[in-house]
């Protein structure tokens, strides 16, 4: 595995790979690699001949009150995990090489980025979209693998690829879960053992919603309210939002139509740690 830190060098390598007709798969991360990230690498390996993994803690997508400086950066551990997972190139630029002096350009996302996480974290998706687009231009992938845990992010990236006519196939990867159902996330390290147990209520809520939809319940607002009650009645947990969205347009959905696919989105606090999770259901 080769470690690259300069964007120009990574770009040159990617161009040569393309000239040699190598399919490139990219996995974008902020480091602190875990089982979820490694599942993305595995999927990239299955769909492309060369795998590039990026590690970049993007300051542009953190708000003033968020944990940019606390965000874990175990680089040596990440290198070992990436190597063992079969990554070919690890691209780990520093902030100044991605955002040099006098950097001025930001990608402005539309209505899709204004709801849910976008409403709770103003500017977050513009920062995410900007760095993802830059990393697309640097790594030049044919396939880009993103996890379904960040469902709204995935929807926005698909929109970026469509809107900007990027010749990239976005490949969604299933959520990886811990034994108690908790979605694997870098933020889980902030949870105490007690909070980790409490946080399993998010998955229980998702399963409850799936069961209700399977039972032909059409009132999505009522199901969301049931899940909200489940979480809020768990000591130490409180919801930020619990909403169903139309899977295709990612717009708020109130009534289920037979045959349609929906996604239940949850954002909730367990202790002081904010977690997100989701599940796709079919009416």
Protein backbone atom coordinates (compact mmCIF):
# COMPACT_ATOMS: atom_id res chain seq x y z
CA UNK A 1 0.00 0.00 0.00
CA UNK A 2 1.30 3.42 -0.97
CA UNK A 3 0.60 6.49 1.19
CA UNK A 4 0.11 9.72 -0.75
CA UNK A 5 -0.20 13.17 0.85
CA UNK A 6 -0.01 15.55 -2.12
CA UNK A 7 -3.11 16.07 -4.30
CA UNK A 8 -1.04 16.51 -7.49
CA UNK A 9 0.74 13.19 -6.95
CA UNK A 10 -2.52 11.36 -6.24
CA UNK A 11 -4.08 12.92 -9.33
CA UNK A 12 -1.14 11.85 -11.48
CA UNK A 13 -1.35 8.27 -10.21
CA UNK A 14 -5.10 8.16 -10.85
CA UNK A 15 -4.63 9.46 -14.39
CA UNK A 16 -2.05 6.75 -15.13
CA UNK A 17 -4.34 4.07 -13.69
CA UNK A 18 -7.12 5.23 -15.99
CA UNK A 19 -4.79 5.26 -19.00
CA UNK A 20 -3.91 1.66 -18.13
CA UNK A 21 -7.64 0.84 -18.06
CA UNK A 22 -7.67 0.14 -14.34
CA UNK A 23 -11.04 0.47 -12.66
CA UNK A 24 -10.67 2.75 -9.63
CA UNK A 25 -12.85 2.46 -6.54
CA UNK A 26 -12.69 5.14 -3.86
CA UNK A 27 -13.73 5.05 -0.21
CA UNK A 28 -13.78 8.47 1.48
CA UNK A 29 -13.35 8.65 5.25
CA UNK A 30 -12.33 10.99 8.04
CA UNK A 31 -10.19 8.28 9.58
CA UNK A 32 -10.73 6.49 12.88
CA UNK A 33 -11.42 3.45 10.71
CA UNK A 34 -13.80 0.78 11.97
CA UNK A 35 -15.66 -2.25 10.71
CA UNK A 36 -18.09 -0.09 8.75
CA UNK A 37 -15.29 1.54 6.76
CA UNK A 38 -13.67 -1.83 6.12
CA UNK A 39 -16.95 -3.13 4.69
CA UNK A 40 -16.82 -0.24 2.19
CA UNK A 41 -13.27 -1.21 1.24
CA UNK A 42 -14.42 -4.79 0.70
CA UNK A 43 -17.20 -3.60 -1.59
CA UNK A 44 -14.74 -1.37 -3.46
CA UNK A 45 -12.42 -4.35 -3.91
CA UNK A 46 -15.29 -6.36 -5.40
CA UNK A 47 -16.24 -3.64 -7.90
CA UNK A 48 -12.87 -2.20 -8.93
CA UNK A 49 -9.31 -3.35 -9.61
CA UNK A 50 -7.64 -0.54 -7.63
CA UNK A 51 -8.86 0.79 -4.29
CA UNK A 52 -8.07 4.29 -3.05
CA UNK A 53 -9.00 5.15 0.53
CA UNK A 54 -8.95 8.79 1.57
CA UNK A 55 -8.49 10.06 5.12
CA UNK A 56 -9.25 13.73 5.63
CA UNK A 57 -10.91 15.38 8.61
CA UNK A 58 -12.72 18.11 6.71
CA UNK A 59 -12.95 21.33 8.76
CA UNK A 60 -15.45 22.81 6.32
CA UNK A 61 -18.21 20.41 7.41
CA UNK A 62 -17.87 21.04 11.15
CA UNK A 63 -19.95 23.77 12.80
CA UNK A 64 -18.54 26.21 15.40
CA UNK A 65 -19.92 24.16 18.31
CA UNK A 66 -18.95 20.75 16.88
CA UNK A 67 -16.07 18.48 17.78
CA UNK A 68 -13.45 19.14 15.07
CA UNK A 69 -10.55 19.24 17.53
CA UNK A 70 -11.83 16.25 19.50
CA UNK A 71 -12.35 14.12 16.41
CA UNK A 72 -10.16 10.98 16.75
CA UNK A 73 -7.10 10.78 14.50
CA UNK A 74 -5.36 7.40 15.14
CA UNK A 75 -3.39 7.57 11.90
CA UNK A 76 -0.95 4.70 12.51
CA UNK A 77 -3.82 2.39 13.44
CA UNK A 78 -5.73 3.52 10.35
CA UNK A 79 -2.73 2.76 8.13
CA UNK A 80 -2.49 -0.77 9.52
CA UNK A 81 -6.21 -1.40 9.06
CA UNK A 82 -6.21 -0.01 5.52
CA UNK A 83 -3.23 -2.16 4.56
CA UNK A 84 -4.76 -5.32 6.01
CA UNK A 85 -8.03 -4.58 4.18
CA UNK A 86 -6.26 -4.53 0.82
CA UNK A 87 -6.21 -0.79 0.07
CA UNK A 88 -3.81 0.04 -2.77
CA UNK A 89 -3.42 3.78 -2.17
CA UNK A 90 -4.07 5.71 1.04
CA UNK A 91 -4.55 9.40 0.27
CA UNK A 92 -4.11 11.46 3.43
CA UNK A 93 -3.63 15.14 2.58
CA UNK A 94 -3.18 17.91 5.12
CA UNK A 95 -5.67 20.75 5.40
CA UNK A 96 -3.46 23.33 3.67
CA UNK A 97 -3.12 21.17 0.55
CA UNK A 98 -6.90 20.83 0.20
CA UNK A 99 -7.72 24.41 1.25
CA UNK A 100 -4.65 26.50 0.40
CA UNK A 101 -4.33 30.21 1.15
CA UNK A 102 -6.98 32.30 -0.57
CA UNK A 103 -9.20 29.26 -1.17
CA UNK A 104 -12.66 30.68 -1.97
CA UNK A 105 -14.90 28.10 -3.67
CA UNK A 106 -17.68 26.20 -1.94
CA UNK A 107 -20.26 23.94 -3.52
CA UNK A 108 -23.74 25.15 -2.64
CA UNK A 109 -26.25 22.33 -2.20
CA UNK A 110 -29.95 22.82 -2.85
CA UNK A 111 -33.18 21.97 -1.07
CA UNK A 112 -32.21 18.35 -0.39
CA UNK A 113 -29.47 19.59 1.96
CA UNK A 114 -31.69 22.02 3.85
CA UNK A 115 -33.74 19.42 5.73
CA UNK A 116 -33.04 17.01 8.62
CA UNK A 117 -29.25 17.03 9.16
CA UNK A 118 -28.97 20.16 7.05
CA UNK A 119 -31.40 22.01 9.31
CA UNK A 120 -29.68 20.80 12.46
CA UNK A 121 -26.15 21.44 11.12
CA UNK A 122 -26.20 24.55 8.89
CA UNK A 123 -23.44 24.52 6.28
CA UNK A 124 -22.48 20.91 6.97
CA UNK A 125 -23.56 19.52 3.62
CA UNK A 126 -22.02 22.37 1.63
CA UNK A 127 -18.70 21.53 3.29
CA UNK A 128 -19.17 17.82 2.69
CA UNK A 129 -20.15 18.35 -0.95
CA UNK A 130 -17.16 20.59 -1.56
CA UNK A 131 -14.57 18.15 -0.25
CA UNK A 132 -16.22 15.12 -1.88
CA UNK A 133 -16.17 16.89 -5.25
CA UNK A 134 -12.51 17.87 -4.76
CA UNK A 135 -11.63 14.29 -3.82
CA UNK A 136 -13.50 13.02 -6.88
CA UNK A 137 -11.33 15.31 -9.03
CA UNK A 138 -8.14 14.16 -7.28
CA UNK A 139 -8.76 10.40 -7.18
CA UNK A 140 -10.71 10.13 -10.47
CA UNK A 141 -12.72 7.04 -9.48
CA UNK A 142 -15.03 4.95 -11.62
CA UNK A 143 -16.84 3.71 -8.48
CA UNK A 144 -17.41 5.58 -5.22
CA UNK A 145 -18.62 3.60 -2.22
CA UNK A 146 -20.64 5.38 0.48
CA UNK A 147 -22.44 3.90 3.47
CA UNK A 148 -26.20 3.93 3.84
CA UNK A 149 -25.88 4.96 7.50
CA UNK A 150 -25.43 8.53 6.30
CA UNK A 151 -28.51 8.27 4.11
CA UNK A 152 -28.99 11.98 3.46
CA UNK A 153 -25.32 12.40 2.60
CA UNK A 154 -25.62 9.50 0.16
CA UNK A 155 -28.67 11.10 -1.48
CA UNK A 156 -26.84 14.43 -1.82
CA UNK A 157 -23.75 12.79 -3.34
CA UNK A 158 -25.94 11.02 -5.88
CA UNK A 159 -27.48 14.40 -6.72
CA UNK A 160 -24.02 15.97 -7.12
CA UNK A 161 -22.93 13.22 -9.50
CA UNK A 162 -26.12 13.64 -11.56
CA UNK A 163 -26.15 17.45 -11.54
CA UNK A 164 -22.47 17.86 -12.43
CA UNK A 165 -22.48 15.04 -15.02
CA UNK A 166 -19.71 13.18 -13.23
CA UNK A 167 -18.77 9.86 -14.81
CA UNK A 168 -18.89 8.02 -11.49
CA UNK A 169 -21.08 5.19 -10.24
CA UNK A 170 -22.12 5.71 -6.62
CA UNK A 171 -22.32 2.36 -4.85
CA UNK A 172 -24.35 2.22 -1.59
CA UNK A 173 -23.09 -0.03 1.20
CA UNK A 174 -25.34 -1.61 3.87
CA UNK A 175 -25.15 -0.42 7.47
CA UNK A 176 -22.84 -2.47 9.68
CA UNK A 177 -24.19 -3.00 13.20
CA UNK A 178 -22.82 -4.00 16.56
CA UNK A 179 -24.25 -7.00 18.42
CA UNK A 180 -27.00 -4.92 20.05
CA UNK A 181 -28.02 -3.34 16.72
CA UNK A 182 -26.19 -0.04 17.21
CA UNK A 183 -24.92 1.26 13.87
CA UNK A 184 -21.12 1.22 13.76
CA UNK A 185 -19.79 4.79 13.82
CA UNK A 186 -16.63 6.66 14.74
CA UNK A 187 -18.70 8.60 17.26
CA UNK A 188 -19.48 5.43 19.23
CA UNK A 189 -16.13 5.77 20.99
CA UNK A 190 -17.63 8.69 22.91
CA UNK A 191 -20.31 6.42 24.41
CA UNK A 192 -19.86 4.89 27.85
CA UNK A 193 -20.75 1.21 28.17
CA UNK A 194 -24.07 2.22 29.76
CA UNK A 195 -24.83 4.70 26.96
CA UNK A 196 -23.90 2.09 24.36
CA UNK A 197 -26.54 -0.23 25.84
CA UNK A 198 -29.07 2.61 25.95
CA UNK A 199 -28.36 3.46 22.32
CA UNK A 200 -29.69 0.08 21.19
CA UNK A 201 -33.16 1.65 21.48
CA UNK A 202 -32.56 3.35 18.11
CA UNK A 203 -32.34 0.01 16.36
CA UNK A 204 -35.31 -1.31 18.32
CA UNK A 205 -37.26 1.70 17.10
CA UNK A 206 -36.28 1.03 13.51
CA UNK A 207 -37.33 -2.62 13.83
CA UNK A 208 -40.63 -1.56 15.39
CA UNK A 209 -41.29 0.77 12.46
CA UNK A 210 -40.44 -1.92 9.93
CA UNK A 211 -42.85 -4.31 11.65
CA UNK A 212 -45.65 -1.72 11.64
CA UNK A 213 -45.20 -1.04 7.93
CA UNK A 214 -45.15 -4.78 7.24
CA UNK A 215 -48.49 -4.92 9.07
CA UNK A 216 -49.83 -2.46 6.45
CA UNK A 217 -49.92 0.60 8.68
CA UNK A 218 -50.24 3.58 6.32
CA UNK A 219 -49.96 6.46 8.79
CA UNK A 220 -46.23 7.16 8.75
CA UNK A 221 -46.57 10.09 11.13
CA UNK A 222 -48.18 7.79 13.72
CA UNK A 223 -45.42 5.19 13.34
CA UNK A 224 -42.75 7.89 13.67
CA UNK A 225 -44.48 9.13 16.83
CA UNK A 226 -44.40 5.61 18.30
CA UNK A 227 -40.65 5.37 17.64
CA UNK A 228 -40.14 8.83 19.15
CA UNK A 229 -41.92 7.73 22.32
CA UNK A 230 -39.80 4.56 22.51
CA UNK A 231 -36.58 6.56 22.38
CA UNK A 232 -37.65 9.49 24.57
CA UNK A 233 -38.91 7.13 27.28
CA UNK A 234 -35.45 5.51 27.51
CA UNK A 235 -33.51 7.20 30.34
CA UNK A 236 -30.63 9.26 28.98
CA UNK A 237 -31.97 9.32 25.40
CA UNK A 238 -33.84 12.05 23.54
CA UNK A 239 -34.78 12.44 19.91
CA UNK A 240 -33.72 15.21 17.60
CA UNK A 241 -35.98 14.05 14.78
CA UNK A 242 -37.76 10.88 13.69
CA UNK A 243 -39.18 11.13 10.18
CA UNK A 244 -40.09 9.05 7.17
CA UNK A 245 -38.93 10.24 3.77
CA UNK A 246 -39.75 9.13 0.27
CA UNK A 247 -36.79 7.00 -0.79
CA UNK A 248 -36.59 8.49 -4.28
CA UNK A 249 -36.96 12.22 -3.52
CA UNK A 250 -35.90 12.24 0.14
CA UNK A 251 -38.92 14.40 0.99
CA UNK A 252 -41.00 14.11 4.16
CA UNK A 253 -43.62 11.36 3.78
CA UNK A 254 -46.82 11.22 5.84
CA UNK A 255 -48.89 8.45 4.27
CA UNK A 256 -47.55 5.22 2.83
CA UNK A 257 -48.56 4.10 -0.63
CA UNK A 258 -48.51 0.41 -1.46
CA UNK A 259 -45.36 -0.64 -3.30
CA UNK A 260 -43.49 2.57 -2.46
CA UNK A 261 -40.16 2.57 -0.63
CA UNK A 262 -39.53 4.85 2.34
CA UNK A 263 -36.67 5.46 4.71
CA UNK A 264 -37.11 6.17 8.41
CA UNK A 265 -34.49 8.63 9.63
CA UNK A 266 -33.54 8.93 13.30
CA UNK A 267 -31.27 11.45 14.99
CA UNK A 268 -31.08 11.16 18.75
CA UNK A 269 -28.85 11.85 21.73
CA UNK A 270 -27.68 9.13 24.06
CA UNK A 271 -26.09 11.02 26.90
CA UNK A 272 -24.26 13.86 25.13
CA UNK A 273 -23.50 11.84 21.98
CA UNK A 274 -25.62 12.55 18.92
CA UNK A 275 -26.27 9.46 16.78
CA UNK A 276 -28.03 8.93 13.47
CA UNK A 277 -29.53 5.79 12.01
CA UNK A 278 -32.08 4.75 9.40
CA UNK A 279 -33.86 1.87 7.77
CA UNK A 280 -35.48 1.36 4.37
CA UNK A 281 -38.98 -0.08 4.34
CA UNK A 282 -41.46 -0.97 1.62
CA UNK A 283 -45.18 -0.41 2.05
